[in-house]
Amino acid sequence: MANVNIRVDDTLKSEAEKIFAALGLSLSTATNVYYRQVVRHGGIPFELRVDNEPNKMEHLVKIAKEKGKISSANKAFDKHPPEGSWRKDEEGNIVLEEI
């Protein structure tokens, strides 16, 4: 078994350890779970982003659709279209497509 030494903010470590304890995991076990997921996924097991703006816009569109206010979401989309694959249908509604 190898030993790993890392520097982590005290508050972050404490908060993470509370969550791990609630899950019945030690810090060591949780770290091993993370490493296994990295190997299984062939990389970081979650998406890393610099800019979350596209996600915010998709969330706003979802809320607008749920409330029946898609026209205001269309105006927001026109000013700040998200990255990714999207289009407007024949009625001018926004359609998000899987990438």
Protein backbone atom coordinates (compact mmCIF):
# COMPACT_ATOMS: atom_id res chain seq x y z
CA MET A 1 0.00 0.00 0.00
CA ALA A 2 1.21 3.49 -0.87
CA ASN A 3 0.89 6.56 1.35
CA VAL A 4 -0.41 9.81 -0.13
CA ASN A 5 0.28 13.19 1.48
CA ILE A 6 -1.76 16.18 0.27
CA ARG A 7 -2.41 19.69 1.56
CA VAL A 8 -6.09 20.57 2.01
CA ASP A 9 -7.82 23.55 3.56
CA ASP A 10 -8.71 22.69 7.19
CA THR A 11 -12.38 23.66 6.83
CA LEU A 12 -12.78 21.73 3.57
CA LYS A 13 -11.22 18.62 5.13
CA SER A 14 -13.47 18.88 8.19
CA GLU A 15 -16.63 19.28 6.11
CA ALA A 16 -15.67 16.38 3.84
CA GLU A 17 -14.88 14.14 6.83
CA LYS A 18 -18.34 14.83 8.31
CA ILE A 19 -19.97 13.73 5.05
CA PHE A 20 -17.73 10.66 4.79
CA ALA A 21 -18.55 9.73 8.40
CA ALA A 22 -22.29 10.01 7.67
CA LEU A 23 -21.68 7.61 4.76
CA GLY A 24 -19.71 5.27 7.01
CA LEU A 25 -16.43 6.00 5.22
CA SER A 26 -13.03 6.99 6.54
CA LEU A 27 -11.02 9.63 4.70
CA SER A 28 -8.73 6.87 3.47
CA THR A 29 -11.63 4.77 2.12
CA ALA A 30 -13.23 7.81 0.46
CA THR A 31 -9.92 8.64 -1.22
CA ASN A 32 -9.62 5.06 -2.47
CA VAL A 33 -13.18 5.25 -3.85
CA TYR A 34 -12.21 8.43 -5.73
CA TYR A 35 -9.06 6.81 -7.16
CA ARG A 36 -11.07 3.75 -8.29
CA GLN A 37 -13.55 6.02 -10.07
CA VAL A 38 -10.70 7.87 -11.82
CA VAL A 39 -9.36 4.54 -13.08
CA ARG A 40 -12.84 3.26 -14.03
CA HIS A 41 -13.69 6.46 -15.96
CA GLY A 42 -10.22 6.88 -17.44
CA GLY A 43 -10.11 10.43 -16.05
CA ILE A 44 -11.75 12.72 -13.53
CA PRO A 45 -15.16 11.15 -12.74
CA PHE A 46 -17.03 14.44 -13.08
CA GLU A 47 -17.08 17.34 -15.50
CA LEU A 48 -14.63 20.18 -14.89
CA ARG A 49 -15.76 23.61 -16.08
CA VAL A 50 -14.43 27.12 -16.04
CA ASP A 51 -17.68 28.83 -17.07
CA ASN A 52 -21.05 27.63 -15.77
CA GLU A 53 -23.07 30.17 -17.78
CA PRO A 54 -24.48 27.59 -20.25
CA ASN A 55 -25.81 25.53 -17.33
CA LYS A 56 -27.43 28.61 -15.81
CA MET A 57 -29.13 29.42 -19.10
CA GLU A 58 -30.42 25.86 -19.52
CA HIS A 59 -31.81 26.03 -15.99
CA LEU A 60 -33.57 29.33 -16.76
CA VAL A 61 -35.11 27.84 -19.89
CA LYS A 62 -36.35 24.83 -17.94
CA ILE A 63 -37.99 27.09 -15.35
CA ALA A 64 -39.50 29.28 -18.07
CA LYS A 65 -40.96 26.23 -19.83
CA GLU A 66 -42.42 24.94 -16.56
CA LYS A 67 -44.08 28.31 -15.88
CA GLY A 68 -45.29 28.73 -19.47
CA LYS A 69 -43.12 31.79 -19.98
CA ILE A 70 -40.91 30.51 -22.75
CA SER A 71 -41.09 33.79 -24.68
CA SER A 72 -39.06 35.60 -22.01
CA ALA A 73 -36.54 32.76 -22.07
CA ASN A 74 -36.33 33.16 -25.85
CA LYS A 75 -35.35 36.80 -25.39
CA ALA A 76 -32.67 35.81 -22.87
CA PHE A 77 -31.44 33.13 -25.28
CA ASP A 78 -31.24 35.65 -28.12
CA LYS A 79 -29.04 37.94 -26.03
CA HIS A 80 -26.87 35.21 -24.43
CA PRO A 81 -27.13 31.91 -26.30
CA PRO A 82 -25.53 28.98 -24.46
CA GLU A 83 -22.76 26.90 -25.89
CA GLY A 84 -23.84 23.54 -27.21
CA SER A 85 -26.44 22.32 -29.59
CA TRP A 86 -29.74 24.19 -29.59
CA ARG A 87 -32.18 25.60 -32.10
CA LYS A 88 -35.54 27.32 -32.31
CA ASP A 89 -38.48 25.34 -33.67
CA GLU A 90 -41.09 26.63 -36.14
CA GLU A 91 -42.96 28.44 -33.36
CA GLY A 92 -39.80 30.12 -32.05
CA ASN A 93 -39.47 27.89 -28.98
CA ILE A 94 -36.02 26.88 -27.83
CA VAL A 95 -35.11 23.24 -28.31
CA LEU A 96 -32.00 21.93 -26.52
CA GLU A 97 -30.40 18.96 -28.19
CA GLU A 98 -28.12 16.38 -26.66
CA ILE A 99 -24.49 16.85 -27.66
